[in-house]
Amino acid sequence: MTGAGQAMNNASATGAADAATSASAASAASASAAGTLSNVKTPWETLPVTVKVNGVSHGPMDVPAGLMMIDFLHETLGLTGSRLGCGQGICHACVVIVDHADGSSETVRTCITGANDFDGKTVRTVEGHATQDADGKVSLAPIQQAFLEHFSFQCGYCTPGFVNAATVLIERLKRNPIARADLEAAITEGLNDQICRCTGYVRYYEAVRDVVLKTPGCLKDAK
């Protein structure tokens, strides 16, 4: 065989080997991707959810894996007080309160958090703040009453989120009181994530300040 022919045979063999190696690598990559995708829950699959909302237990029930908590509250539980704002977790109009076993609490965005993520948790929505006596008379929570008295809103769309954020702040101050001099900064931090498109921030802040000042145990040096 001539040198040219031998070179062609070698090149052909090398090309075939490279092709086999590439095919093997592609097959392995496909298998890996398939294995990864098999662990991803598609929106039409369901997962069991049991959650306590405003003192009432719901479930276990099968809930679509891709269903956001805001839709679960609205469509399944009929609790429409939480507002869907930006739908991207930015404005925080949709937040609810999640209560923990140690007595602490936090706000959680429901427009970007699946209902399945609330399985086993205790939740408060804006509907859970007011109380009703045996005669049906409704009494607003102090923060709700303060928002009304200060007219802390215009359209009111963001108000449920502010109610929940302010509630978490006030409850935290009851557990860990601060100095009066630090109150303004604490309110700013506590409400910082809440967006009001009508620019009602000053009145929201004033209302929260009034409630904190009137609530025993929130400030170390309160008179």
N, C-alpha and C. Protein backbone atom coordinates (compact mmCIF):
# COMPACT_ATOMS: atom_id res chain seq x y z
N MET A 1 0.87 -1.20 0.00
CA MET A 1 0.00 0.00 0.00
C MET A 1 0.89 1.23 0.00
N THR A 2 0.51 2.19 -0.78
CA THR A 2 1.30 3.41 -0.84
C THR A 2 1.16 4.20 0.43
N GLY A 3 2.10 5.13 0.62
CA GLY A 3 2.03 6.00 1.80
C GLY A 3 0.75 6.79 1.84
N ALA A 4 0.30 7.25 0.65
CA ALA A 4 -0.93 8.05 0.59
C ALA A 4 -2.12 7.21 1.01
N GLY A 5 -2.15 5.94 0.54
CA GLY A 5 -3.27 5.07 0.89
C GLY A 5 -3.30 4.76 2.37
N GLN A 6 -2.10 4.50 2.91
CA GLN A 6 -2.03 4.23 4.36
C GLN A 6 -2.52 5.43 5.17
N ALA A 7 -2.15 6.60 4.75
CA ALA A 7 -2.57 7.83 5.45
C ALA A 7 -4.07 7.99 5.42
N MET A 8 -4.65 7.64 4.24
CA MET A 8 -6.11 7.76 4.12
C MET A 8 -6.81 6.77 5.04
N ASN A 9 -6.27 5.54 5.10
CA ASN A 9 -6.86 4.53 5.99
C ASN A 9 -6.77 4.96 7.45
N ASN A 10 -5.60 5.50 7.81
CA ASN A 10 -5.42 5.96 9.20
C ASN A 10 -6.39 7.08 9.53
N ALA A 11 -6.56 8.01 8.61
CA ALA A 11 -7.47 9.15 8.82
C ALA A 11 -8.90 8.66 8.97
N SER A 12 -9.24 7.65 8.12
CA SER A 12 -10.60 7.10 8.18
C SER A 12 -10.86 6.42 9.51
N ALA A 13 -9.86 5.65 9.97
CA ALA A 13 -10.01 4.96 11.25
C ALA A 13 -10.11 5.95 12.41
N THR A 14 -9.29 6.99 12.33
CA THR A 14 -9.31 8.01 13.39
C THR A 14 -10.66 8.73 13.42
N GLY A 15 -11.17 9.05 12.23
CA GLY A 15 -12.47 9.72 12.14
C GLY A 15 -13.58 8.86 12.70
N ALA A 16 -13.53 7.56 12.40
CA ALA A 16 -14.56 6.65 12.92
C ALA A 16 -14.49 6.56 14.43
N ALA A 17 -13.28 6.53 14.95
CA ALA A 17 -13.12 6.46 16.41
C ALA A 17 -13.64 7.72 17.08
N ASP A 18 -13.31 8.88 16.47
CA ASP A 18 -13.78 10.16 17.02
C ASP A 18 -15.30 10.22 16.99
N ALA A 19 -15.89 9.73 15.89
CA ALA A 19 -17.35 9.76 15.77
C ALA A 19 -17.99 8.87 16.84
N ALA A 20 -17.37 7.69 17.07
CA ALA A 20 -17.90 6.78 18.09
C ALA A 20 -17.81 7.40 19.47
N THR A 21 -16.68 8.08 19.73
CA THR A 21 -16.50 8.74 21.03
C THR A 21 -17.52 9.85 21.22
N SER A 22 -17.74 10.65 20.17
CA SER A 22 -18.71 11.75 20.24
C SER A 22 -20.12 11.22 20.46
N ALA A 23 -20.44 10.11 19.76
CA ALA A 23 -21.77 9.52 19.91
C ALA A 23 -21.96 8.99 21.32
N SER A 24 -20.89 8.39 21.88
CA SER A 24 -20.97 7.87 23.24
C SER A 24 -21.16 8.99 24.25
N ALA A 25 -20.41 10.09 24.04
CA ALA A 25 -20.52 11.26 24.93
C ALA A 25 -21.91 11.87 24.84
N ALA A 26 -22.43 11.97 23.62
CA ALA A 26 -23.76 12.55 23.43
C ALA A 26 -24.82 11.69 24.10
N SER A 27 -24.63 10.37 23.97
CA SER A 27 -25.59 9.45 24.60
C SER A 27 -25.56 9.58 26.10
N ALA A 28 -24.33 9.70 26.67
CA ALA A 28 -24.20 9.86 28.12
C ALA A 28 -24.82 11.17 28.58
N ALA A 29 -24.60 12.24 27.79
CA ALA A 29 -25.17 13.54 28.14
C ALA A 29 -26.68 13.50 28.12
N SER A 30 -27.22 12.81 27.10
CA SER A 30 -28.68 12.70 26.99
C SER A 30 -29.25 11.92 28.16
N ALA A 31 -28.56 10.85 28.54
CA ALA A 31 -29.02 10.04 29.67
C ALA A 31 -28.99 10.85 30.96
N SER A 32 -27.91 11.66 31.11
CA SER A 32 -27.81 12.50 32.31
C SER A 32 -28.91 13.54 32.34
N ALA A 33 -29.16 14.17 31.18
CA ALA A 33 -30.22 15.18 31.11
C ALA A 33 -31.57 14.56 31.39
N ALA A 34 -31.79 13.36 30.85
CA ALA A 34 -33.07 12.69 31.08
C ALA A 34 -33.26 12.36 32.55
N GLY A 35 -32.14 11.96 33.19
CA GLY A 35 -32.22 11.65 34.62
C GLY A 35 -32.54 12.89 35.44
N THR A 36 -31.92 14.03 35.03
CA THR A 36 -32.18 15.29 35.74
C THR A 36 -33.62 15.73 35.55
N LEU A 37 -34.10 15.66 34.29
CA LEU A 37 -35.46 16.09 34.00
C LEU A 37 -36.49 15.21 34.69
N SER A 38 -36.13 13.95 34.92
CA SER A 38 -37.09 13.05 35.55
C SER A 38 -37.37 13.45 36.99
N ASN A 39 -36.44 14.26 37.59
CA ASN A 39 -36.63 14.71 38.96
C ASN A 39 -37.36 16.04 39.05
N VAL A 40 -37.63 16.65 37.90
CA VAL A 40 -38.31 17.95 37.87
C VAL A 40 -39.81 17.72 37.79
N LYS A 41 -40.55 18.38 38.71
CA LYS A 41 -41.99 18.24 38.72
C LYS A 41 -42.61 19.16 37.67
N THR A 42 -43.33 18.58 36.75
CA THR A 42 -44.02 19.38 35.75
C THR A 42 -45.31 19.94 36.35
N PRO A 43 -45.81 21.06 35.81
CA PRO A 43 -46.97 21.73 36.40
C PRO A 43 -48.20 20.85 36.57
N TRP A 44 -48.35 19.82 35.74
CA TRP A 44 -49.56 19.01 35.82
C TRP A 44 -49.44 17.85 36.82
N GLU A 45 -48.25 17.65 37.39
CA GLU A 45 -48.10 16.67 38.45
C GLU A 45 -48.60 17.29 39.76
N THR A 46 -48.97 16.46 40.71
CA THR A 46 -49.49 16.98 41.97
C THR A 46 -48.66 16.49 43.15
N LEU A 47 -48.70 17.27 44.21
CA LEU A 47 -48.04 16.92 45.46
C LEU A 47 -49.02 17.18 46.60
N PRO A 48 -48.96 16.39 47.66
CA PRO A 48 -49.89 16.60 48.78
C PRO A 48 -49.53 17.84 49.59
N VAL A 49 -50.54 18.57 50.00
CA VAL A 49 -50.32 19.78 50.80
C VAL A 49 -51.28 19.77 51.98
N THR A 50 -50.73 20.04 53.15
CA THR A 50 -51.52 20.27 54.35
C THR A 50 -51.02 21.58 54.95
N VAL A 51 -51.90 22.53 55.14
CA VAL A 51 -51.48 23.83 55.64
C VAL A 51 -52.55 24.40 56.56
N LYS A 52 -52.10 25.11 57.60
CA LYS A 52 -53.04 25.78 58.50
C LYS A 52 -53.04 27.26 58.15
N VAL A 53 -54.21 27.78 57.80
CA VAL A 53 -54.34 29.17 57.40
C VAL A 53 -55.35 29.87 58.31
N ASN A 54 -54.89 30.90 58.98
CA ASN A 54 -55.74 31.65 59.91
C ASN A 54 -56.41 30.74 60.93
N GLY A 55 -55.66 29.75 61.41
CA GLY A 55 -56.15 28.86 62.45
C GLY A 55 -56.95 27.67 61.96
N VAL A 56 -57.18 27.58 60.67
CA VAL A 56 -57.98 26.48 60.11
C VAL A 56 -57.07 25.57 59.28
N SER A 57 -57.12 24.27 59.55
CA SER A 57 -56.29 23.31 58.82
C SER A 57 -56.98 22.90 57.52
N HIS A 58 -56.19 22.83 56.47
CA HIS A 58 -56.68 22.42 55.16
C HIS A 58 -55.79 21.28 54.64
N GLY A 59 -56.42 20.22 54.14
CA GLY A 59 -55.68 19.10 53.60
C GLY A 59 -55.64 17.92 54.55
N PRO A 60 -54.91 16.88 54.12
CA PRO A 60 -54.07 16.88 52.91
C PRO A 60 -54.90 16.88 51.63
N MET A 61 -54.40 17.61 50.65
CA MET A 61 -55.03 17.66 49.34
C MET A 61 -53.95 17.67 48.27
N ASP A 62 -54.28 17.14 47.10
CA ASP A 62 -53.33 17.12 46.00
C ASP A 62 -53.39 18.45 45.26
N VAL A 63 -52.24 19.10 45.17
CA VAL A 63 -52.15 20.42 44.54
C VAL A 63 -51.14 20.36 43.40
N PRO A 64 -51.46 20.94 42.24
CA PRO A 64 -50.50 20.95 41.12
C PRO A 64 -49.14 21.48 41.55
N ALA A 65 -48.08 20.81 41.09
CA ALA A 65 -46.73 21.18 41.50
C ALA A 65 -46.36 22.60 41.11
N GLY A 66 -46.93 23.13 40.05
CA GLY A 66 -46.58 24.46 39.59
C GLY A 66 -47.52 25.56 40.07
N LEU A 67 -48.45 25.24 40.97
CA LEU A 67 -49.43 26.24 41.42
C LEU A 67 -48.82 27.16 42.47
N MET A 68 -48.87 28.46 42.23
CA MET A 68 -48.36 29.42 43.21
C MET A 68 -49.32 29.55 44.38
N MET A 69 -48.78 29.92 45.53
CA MET A 69 -49.59 30.02 46.74
C MET A 69 -50.69 31.07 46.61
N ILE A 70 -50.42 32.16 45.88
CA ILE A 70 -51.43 33.20 45.72
C ILE A 70 -52.67 32.62 45.03
N ASP A 71 -52.47 31.74 44.05
CA ASP A 71 -53.59 31.13 43.34
C ASP A 71 -54.28 30.09 44.21
N PHE A 72 -53.53 29.38 45.01
CA PHE A 72 -54.11 28.42 45.95
C PHE A 72 -55.01 29.13 46.95
N LEU A 73 -54.55 30.26 47.47
CA LEU A 73 -55.36 31.04 48.41
C LEU A 73 -56.64 31.54 47.75
N HIS A 74 -56.50 32.07 46.54
CA HIS A 74 -57.66 32.65 45.85
C HIS A 74 -58.64 31.59 45.37
N GLU A 75 -58.12 30.60 44.65
CA GLU A 75 -58.99 29.67 43.94
C GLU A 75 -59.44 28.47 44.78
N THR A 76 -58.59 28.02 45.68
CA THR A 76 -58.92 26.83 46.47
C THR A 76 -59.54 27.19 47.82
N LEU A 77 -58.94 28.16 48.51
CA LEU A 77 -59.42 28.51 49.84
C LEU A 77 -60.39 29.69 49.84
N GLY A 78 -60.51 30.40 48.73
CA GLY A 78 -61.43 31.53 48.67
C GLY A 78 -60.96 32.73 49.47
N LEU A 79 -59.67 32.82 49.76
CA LEU A 79 -59.11 33.95 50.50
C LEU A 79 -58.47 34.91 49.49
N THR A 80 -59.22 35.93 49.12
CA THR A 80 -58.79 36.82 48.04
C THR A 80 -58.18 38.12 48.54
N GLY A 81 -57.94 38.23 49.85
CA GLY A 81 -57.38 39.46 50.39
C GLY A 81 -55.95 39.71 49.97
N SER A 82 -55.17 38.66 49.79
CA SER A 82 -53.79 38.81 49.33
C SER A 82 -53.81 39.27 47.87
N ARG A 83 -52.96 40.23 47.55
CA ARG A 83 -53.01 40.84 46.22
C ARG A 83 -51.87 40.36 45.33
N LEU A 84 -52.20 40.02 44.09
CA LEU A 84 -51.19 39.72 43.09
C LEU A 84 -50.79 41.01 42.41
N GLY A 85 -49.57 41.46 42.67
CA GLY A 85 -49.11 42.71 42.10
C GLY A 85 -48.23 42.49 40.89
N CYS A 86 -46.92 42.47 41.11
CA CYS A 86 -45.98 42.35 40.00
C CYS A 86 -45.87 40.93 39.47
N GLY A 87 -46.16 39.93 40.32
CA GLY A 87 -46.03 38.55 39.90
C GLY A 87 -44.59 38.07 39.80
N GLN A 88 -43.65 38.90 40.26
CA GLN A 88 -42.22 38.57 40.16
C GLN A 88 -41.51 38.64 41.50
N GLY A 89 -42.27 38.79 42.58
CA GLY A 89 -41.67 38.85 43.90
C GLY A 89 -40.99 40.15 44.24
N ILE A 90 -41.32 41.22 43.54
CA ILE A 90 -40.65 42.50 43.75
C ILE A 90 -41.45 43.44 44.65
N CYS A 91 -42.75 43.56 44.41
CA CYS A 91 -43.53 44.58 45.12
C CYS A 91 -43.99 44.15 46.51
N HIS A 92 -44.03 42.84 46.77
CA HIS A 92 -44.41 42.30 48.08
C HIS A 92 -45.86 42.59 48.47
N ALA A 93 -46.70 42.94 47.52
CA ALA A 93 -48.12 43.13 47.84
C ALA A 93 -48.77 41.82 48.26
N CYS A 94 -48.19 40.71 47.82
CA CYS A 94 -48.82 39.39 48.00
C CYS A 94 -48.37 38.66 49.26
N VAL A 95 -47.53 39.27 50.09
CA VAL A 95 -46.94 38.51 51.19
C VAL A 95 -47.97 38.06 52.22
N VAL A 96 -47.72 36.86 52.76
CA VAL A 96 -48.47 36.36 53.91
C VAL A 96 -47.48 36.14 55.04
N ILE A 97 -47.99 35.87 56.22
CA ILE A 97 -47.14 35.63 57.38
C ILE A 97 -47.03 34.12 57.60
N VAL A 98 -45.82 33.64 57.77
CA VAL A 98 -45.59 32.25 58.15
C VAL A 98 -45.10 32.24 59.59
N ASP A 99 -45.82 31.54 60.46
CA ASP A 99 -45.46 31.46 61.87
C ASP A 99 -44.64 30.21 62.13
N HIS A 100 -43.56 30.37 62.89
CA HIS A 100 -42.66 29.26 63.19
C HIS A 100 -42.90 28.74 64.61
N ALA A 101 -42.45 27.52 64.85
CA ALA A 101 -42.67 26.86 66.14
C ALA A 101 -42.00 27.60 67.29
N ASP A 102 -40.93 28.34 67.01
CA ASP A 102 -40.22 29.05 68.08
C ASP A 102 -40.85 30.39 68.43
N GLY A 103 -41.99 30.71 67.83
CA GLY A 103 -42.68 31.96 68.13
C GLY A 103 -42.33 33.09 67.19
N SER A 104 -41.35 32.90 66.33
CA SER A 104 -40.99 33.94 65.37
C SER A 104 -41.89 33.82 64.13
N SER A 105 -41.82 34.82 63.29
CA SER A 105 -42.62 34.81 62.07
C SER A 105 -41.90 35.58 60.99
N GLU A 106 -42.34 35.40 59.77
CA GLU A 106 -41.74 36.10 58.64
C GLU A 106 -42.77 36.26 57.54
N THR A 107 -42.53 37.22 56.66
CA THR A 107 -43.39 37.37 55.49
C THR A 107 -42.81 36.54 54.36
N VAL A 108 -43.70 35.95 53.56
CA VAL A 108 -43.28 35.13 52.43
C VAL A 108 -44.09 35.56 51.21
N ARG A 109 -43.42 35.73 50.09
CA ARG A 109 -44.08 36.14 48.86
C ARG A 109 -44.82 34.96 48.24
N THR A 110 -46.10 35.15 47.97
CA THR A 110 -46.91 34.05 47.45
C THR A 110 -46.99 34.00 45.94
N CYS A 111 -46.53 35.04 45.26
CA CYS A 111 -46.61 35.05 43.80
C CYS A 111 -45.47 34.25 43.17
N ILE A 112 -44.40 34.00 43.93
CA ILE A 112 -43.27 33.24 43.39
C ILE A 112 -42.96 32.01 44.23
N THR A 113 -43.81 31.71 45.20
CA THR A 113 -43.61 30.55 46.06
C THR A 113 -44.76 29.58 45.85
N GLY A 114 -44.42 28.35 45.50
CA GLY A 114 -45.45 27.36 45.23
C GLY A 114 -46.24 26.97 46.46
N ALA A 115 -47.48 26.58 46.25
CA ALA A 115 -48.32 26.14 47.37
C ALA A 115 -47.69 24.94 48.07
N ASN A 116 -47.00 24.11 47.31
CA ASN A 116 -46.36 22.94 47.88
C ASN A 116 -45.30 23.30 48.91
N ASP A 117 -44.69 24.47 48.76
CA ASP A 117 -43.66 24.89 49.70
C ASP A 117 -44.24 25.26 51.06
N PHE A 118 -45.56 25.41 51.14
CA PHE A 118 -46.21 25.75 52.40
C PHE A 118 -46.72 24.51 53.13
N ASP A 119 -46.43 23.35 52.61
CA ASP A 119 -46.89 22.11 53.24
C ASP A 119 -46.37 22.01 54.68
N GLY A 120 -47.29 21.79 55.61
CA GLY A 120 -46.93 21.64 57.01
C GLY A 120 -46.72 22.95 57.75
N LYS A 121 -46.98 24.08 57.09
CA LYS A 121 -46.71 25.37 57.72
C LYS A 121 -47.98 26.03 58.24
N THR A 122 -47.78 27.00 59.11
CA THR A 122 -48.87 27.80 59.68
C THR A 122 -48.81 29.20 59.10
N VAL A 123 -49.92 29.62 58.51
CA VAL A 123 -49.94 30.85 57.71
C VAL A 123 -51.03 31.79 58.22
N ARG A 124 -50.74 33.08 58.16
CA ARG A 124 -51.75 34.10 58.40
C ARG A 124 -51.86 34.99 57.17
N THR A 125 -53.08 35.21 56.70
CA THR A 125 -53.32 36.14 55.61
C THR A 125 -53.97 37.39 56.20
N VAL A 126 -54.21 38.38 55.37
CA VAL A 126 -54.80 39.62 55.87
C VAL A 126 -56.19 39.37 56.46
N GLU A 127 -56.86 38.31 56.00
CA GLU A 127 -58.19 37.99 56.57
C GLU A 127 -58.13 37.53 58.00
N GLY A 128 -56.94 37.16 58.47
CA GLY A 128 -56.83 36.60 59.81
C GLY A 128 -56.55 37.60 60.91
N HIS A 129 -56.48 38.89 60.62
CA HIS A 129 -56.10 39.87 61.64
C HIS A 129 -57.29 40.39 62.44
N ALA A 130 -58.37 40.69 61.78
CA ALA A 130 -59.56 41.19 62.48
C ALA A 130 -60.23 40.05 63.24
N THR A 131 -60.96 40.39 64.29
CA THR A 131 -61.69 39.39 65.07
C THR A 131 -63.18 39.68 65.01
N GLN A 132 -63.97 38.66 65.29
CA GLN A 132 -65.42 38.79 65.23
C GLN A 132 -66.02 38.16 66.48
N ASP A 133 -66.90 38.89 67.17
CA ASP A 133 -67.49 38.36 68.39
C ASP A 133 -68.74 37.53 68.06
N ALA A 134 -69.39 37.03 69.11
CA ALA A 134 -70.54 36.15 68.92
C ALA A 134 -71.69 36.84 68.21
N ASP A 135 -71.76 38.15 68.30
CA ASP A 135 -72.83 38.90 67.64
C ASP A 135 -72.48 39.31 66.21
N GLY A 136 -71.31 38.91 65.78
CA GLY A 136 -70.90 39.23 64.42
C GLY A 136 -70.20 40.56 64.27
N LYS A 137 -69.94 41.24 65.38
CA LYS A 137 -69.26 42.53 65.31
C LYS A 137 -67.78 42.31 65.03
N VAL A 138 -67.26 43.01 64.04
CA VAL A 138 -65.87 42.87 63.63
C VAL A 138 -65.02 43.95 64.30
N SER A 139 -63.90 43.52 64.86
CA SER A 139 -62.94 44.45 65.46
C SER A 139 -61.63 44.34 64.70
N LEU A 140 -61.18 45.45 64.14
CA LEU A 140 -59.93 45.44 63.39
C LEU A 140 -58.74 45.31 64.32
N ALA A 141 -57.67 44.76 63.80
CA ALA A 141 -56.41 44.72 64.54
C ALA A 141 -55.89 46.15 64.67
N PRO A 142 -55.10 46.44 65.70
CA PRO A 142 -54.60 47.81 65.90
C PRO A 142 -53.92 48.39 64.66
N ILE A 143 -53.14 47.58 63.93
CA ILE A 143 -52.45 48.12 62.77
C ILE A 143 -53.44 48.44 61.65
N GLN A 144 -54.49 47.65 61.51
CA GLN A 144 -55.51 47.95 60.51
C GLN A 144 -56.24 49.24 60.85
N GLN A 145 -56.58 49.41 62.13
CA GLN A 145 -57.27 50.62 62.57
C GLN A 145 -56.39 51.85 62.37
N ALA A 146 -55.09 51.68 62.65
CA ALA A 146 -54.17 52.81 62.49
C ALA A 146 -54.04 53.21 61.02
N PHE A 147 -54.03 52.24 60.13
CA PHE A 147 -53.96 52.56 58.71
C PHE A 147 -55.19 53.35 58.27
N LEU A 148 -56.35 52.99 58.83
CA LEU A 148 -57.56 53.72 58.50
C LEU A 148 -57.50 55.15 59.04
N GLU A 149 -57.09 55.27 60.28
CA GLU A 149 -57.07 56.59 60.92
C GLU A 149 -56.07 57.54 60.25
N HIS A 150 -54.97 56.98 59.75
CA HIS A 150 -53.96 57.80 59.09
C HIS A 150 -54.21 57.91 57.59
N PHE A 151 -55.26 57.26 57.12
CA PHE A 151 -55.52 57.17 55.69
C PHE A 151 -54.23 56.84 54.96
N SER A 152 -53.66 55.68 55.33
CA SER A 152 -52.33 55.31 54.88
C SER A 152 -52.29 54.70 53.48
N PHE A 153 -53.30 54.93 52.71
CA PHE A 153 -53.37 54.29 51.38
C PHE A 153 -54.17 55.19 50.44
N GLN A 154 -54.05 54.90 49.17
CA GLN A 154 -54.92 55.54 48.20
C GLN A 154 -55.77 54.47 47.52
N CYS A 155 -55.15 53.71 46.61
CA CYS A 155 -55.93 52.64 45.96
C CYS A 155 -56.12 51.46 46.90
N GLY A 156 -55.19 51.25 47.86
CA GLY A 156 -55.33 50.18 48.84
C GLY A 156 -54.83 48.82 48.37
N TYR A 157 -54.32 48.77 47.15
CA TYR A 157 -53.93 47.46 46.60
C TYR A 157 -52.77 46.85 47.38
N CYS A 158 -51.84 47.68 47.81
CA CYS A 158 -50.67 47.17 48.52
C CYS A 158 -50.91 47.00 50.01
N THR A 159 -52.06 47.46 50.52
CA THR A 159 -52.30 47.50 51.95
C THR A 159 -52.22 46.14 52.65
N PRO A 160 -52.77 45.05 52.09
CA PRO A 160 -52.64 43.76 52.77
C PRO A 160 -51.19 43.38 53.03
N GLY A 161 -50.30 43.66 52.09
CA GLY A 161 -48.89 43.36 52.29
C GLY A 161 -48.29 44.21 53.40
N PHE A 162 -48.67 45.49 53.44
CA PHE A 162 -48.18 46.37 54.50
C PHE A 162 -48.70 45.93 55.87
N VAL A 163 -49.96 45.49 55.92
CA VAL A 163 -50.53 45.01 57.19
C VAL A 163 -49.71 43.83 57.71
N ASN A 164 -49.39 42.89 56.83
CA ASN A 164 -48.64 41.72 57.26
C ASN A 164 -47.21 42.05 57.65
N ALA A 165 -46.56 42.90 56.86
CA ALA A 165 -45.18 43.28 57.17
C ALA A 165 -45.11 44.05 58.49
N ALA A 166 -46.06 44.95 58.70
CA ALA A 166 -46.09 45.72 59.94
C ALA A 166 -46.37 44.82 61.14
N THR A 167 -47.24 43.83 60.95
CA THR A 167 -47.56 42.90 62.02
C THR A 167 -46.32 42.11 62.44
N VAL A 168 -45.58 41.61 61.47
CA VAL A 168 -44.34 40.88 61.76
C VAL A 168 -43.36 41.77 62.52
N LEU A 169 -43.24 43.03 62.10
CA LEU A 169 -42.34 43.97 62.76
C LEU A 169 -42.75 44.19 64.21
N ILE A 170 -44.03 44.48 64.43
CA ILE A 170 -44.50 44.77 65.79
C ILE A 170 -44.34 43.56 66.70
N GLU A 171 -44.64 42.38 66.18
CA GLU A 171 -44.48 41.16 66.99
C GLU A 171 -43.00 40.90 67.31
N ARG A 172 -42.13 41.24 66.37
CA ARG A 172 -40.70 41.08 66.62
C ARG A 172 -40.23 42.03 67.70
N LEU A 173 -40.76 43.25 67.68
CA LEU A 173 -40.38 44.23 68.71
C LEU A 173 -40.90 43.81 70.09
N LYS A 174 -42.03 43.14 70.12
CA LYS A 174 -42.54 42.64 71.40
C LYS A 174 -41.60 41.59 71.99
N ARG A 175 -41.03 40.76 71.11
CA ARG A 175 -40.12 39.71 71.57
C ARG A 175 -38.73 40.29 71.89
N ASN A 176 -38.33 41.27 71.09
CA ASN A 176 -37.00 41.87 71.26
C ASN A 176 -37.12 43.39 71.18
N PRO A 177 -37.51 44.03 72.28
CA PRO A 177 -37.71 45.48 72.27
C PRO A 177 -36.42 46.23 71.95
N ILE A 178 -36.59 47.41 71.36
CA ILE A 178 -35.45 48.24 70.98
C ILE A 178 -35.55 49.59 71.67
N ALA A 179 -34.49 50.38 71.57
CA ALA A 179 -34.50 51.73 72.12
C ALA A 179 -35.34 52.64 71.25
N ARG A 180 -35.95 53.62 71.86
CA ARG A 180 -36.79 54.57 71.12
C ARG A 180 -36.01 55.22 69.99
N ALA A 181 -34.74 55.47 70.21
CA ALA A 181 -33.92 56.13 69.19
C ALA A 181 -33.74 55.27 67.94
N ASP A 182 -33.96 53.98 68.06
CA ASP A 182 -33.77 53.07 66.92
C ASP A 182 -35.07 52.76 66.20
N LEU A 183 -36.16 53.35 66.62
CA LEU A 183 -37.47 53.00 66.07
C LEU A 183 -37.60 53.34 64.60
N GLU A 184 -37.17 54.53 64.21
CA GLU A 184 -37.33 54.95 62.82
C GLU A 184 -36.60 53.98 61.88
N ALA A 185 -35.40 53.62 62.26
CA ALA A 185 -34.62 52.70 61.42
C ALA A 185 -35.29 51.33 61.37
N ALA A 186 -35.88 50.90 62.49
CA ALA A 186 -36.55 49.59 62.53
C ALA A 186 -37.77 49.57 61.62
N ILE A 187 -38.52 50.67 61.61
CA ILE A 187 -39.70 50.74 60.73
C ILE A 187 -39.27 50.74 59.27
N THR A 188 -38.22 51.52 58.96
CA THR A 188 -37.72 51.56 57.60
C THR A 188 -37.30 50.17 57.13
N GLU A 189 -36.59 49.46 58.00
CA GLU A 189 -36.14 48.12 57.64
C GLU A 189 -37.32 47.16 57.50
N GLY A 190 -38.27 47.26 58.42
CA GLY A 190 -39.41 46.35 58.43
C GLY A 190 -40.33 46.50 57.24
N LEU A 191 -40.44 47.73 56.71
CA LEU A 191 -41.34 47.98 55.59
C LEU A 191 -40.60 48.21 54.27
N ASN A 192 -39.30 48.06 54.30
CA ASN A 192 -38.48 48.43 53.15
C ASN A 192 -38.84 47.68 51.87
N ASP A 193 -39.25 46.42 52.00
CA ASP A 193 -39.54 45.62 50.80
C ASP A 193 -40.91 45.91 50.20
N GLN A 194 -41.77 46.58 50.95
CA GLN A 194 -43.13 46.83 50.48
C GLN A 194 -43.16 48.04 49.55
N ILE A 195 -43.77 47.86 48.39
CA ILE A 195 -43.85 48.95 47.42
C ILE A 195 -45.29 49.48 47.36
N CYS A 196 -45.43 50.79 47.48
CA CYS A 196 -46.72 51.45 47.31
C CYS A 196 -46.63 52.33 46.07
N ARG A 197 -47.38 51.97 45.05
CA ARG A 197 -47.30 52.72 43.80
C ARG A 197 -47.99 54.08 43.89
N CYS A 198 -48.78 54.28 44.93
CA CYS A 198 -49.44 55.57 45.12
C CYS A 198 -48.61 56.48 46.03
N THR A 199 -47.42 56.04 46.41
CA THR A 199 -46.50 56.80 47.27
C THR A 199 -47.12 57.18 48.60
N GLY A 200 -47.72 56.20 49.26
CA GLY A 200 -48.31 56.47 50.57
C GLY A 200 -47.39 56.12 51.72
N TYR A 201 -46.10 56.09 51.47
CA TYR A 201 -45.15 55.61 52.47
C TYR A 201 -45.19 56.38 53.78
N VAL A 202 -45.24 57.69 53.70
CA VAL A 202 -45.18 58.51 54.92
C VAL A 202 -46.31 58.16 55.87
N ARG A 203 -47.50 58.00 55.36
CA ARG A 203 -48.65 57.69 56.21
C ARG A 203 -48.58 56.27 56.75
N TYR A 204 -48.08 55.35 55.94
CA TYR A 204 -47.87 53.99 56.44
C TYR A 204 -46.90 54.02 57.62
N TYR A 205 -45.79 54.71 57.43
CA TYR A 205 -44.77 54.78 58.47
C TYR A 205 -45.32 55.44 59.74
N GLU A 206 -46.09 56.51 59.57
CA GLU A 206 -46.65 57.20 60.73
C GLU A 206 -47.60 56.30 61.50
N ALA A 207 -48.40 55.53 60.77
CA ALA A 207 -49.35 54.62 61.42
C ALA A 207 -48.61 53.54 62.20
N VAL A 208 -47.59 52.97 61.61
CA VAL A 208 -46.82 51.93 62.30
C VAL A 208 -46.14 52.50 63.53
N ARG A 209 -45.59 53.71 63.41
CA ARG A 209 -44.94 54.34 64.55
C ARG A 209 -45.93 54.53 65.70
N ASP A 210 -47.12 54.97 65.38
CA ASP A 210 -48.13 55.18 66.43
C ASP A 210 -48.47 53.87 67.13
N VAL A 211 -48.63 52.80 66.37
CA VAL A 211 -48.98 51.51 66.97
C VAL A 211 -47.85 51.02 67.86
N VAL A 212 -46.62 51.15 67.39
CA VAL A 212 -45.48 50.71 68.20
C VAL A 212 -45.41 51.49 69.50
N LEU A 213 -45.60 52.80 69.42
CA LEU A 213 -45.53 53.65 70.62
C LEU A 213 -46.64 53.33 71.61
N LYS A 214 -47.76 52.85 71.11
CA LYS A 214 -48.91 52.54 71.98
C LYS A 214 -48.92 51.09 72.45
N THR A 215 -48.02 50.29 71.92
CA THR A 215 -48.01 48.85 72.25
C THR A 215 -46.96 48.60 73.34
N PRO A 216 -47.39 48.18 74.54
CA PRO A 216 -46.45 47.94 75.64
C PRO A 216 -45.43 46.86 75.27
N GLY A 217 -44.20 47.11 75.65
CA GLY A 217 -43.15 46.10 75.48
C GLY A 217 -42.36 46.20 74.21
N CYS A 218 -42.71 47.11 73.32
CA CYS A 218 -41.98 47.22 72.05
C CYS A 218 -40.68 48.02 72.19
N LEU A 219 -40.68 48.97 73.12
CA LEU A 219 -39.52 49.84 73.30
C LEU A 219 -38.96 49.68 74.71
N LYS A 220 -37.66 49.69 74.80
CA LYS A 220 -37.00 49.48 76.10
C LYS A 220 -37.20 50.67 77.03
N ASP A 221 -37.17 51.87 76.43
CA ASP A 221 -37.22 53.08 77.25
C ASP A 221 -38.52 53.84 77.10
N ALA A 222 -39.60 53.11 76.76
CA ALA A 222 -40.90 53.76 76.61
C ALA A 222 -41.40 54.23 77.98
N LYS A 223 -42.04 55.40 77.99
CA LYS A 223 -42.59 55.94 79.24
C LYS A 223 -44.06 55.58 79.37
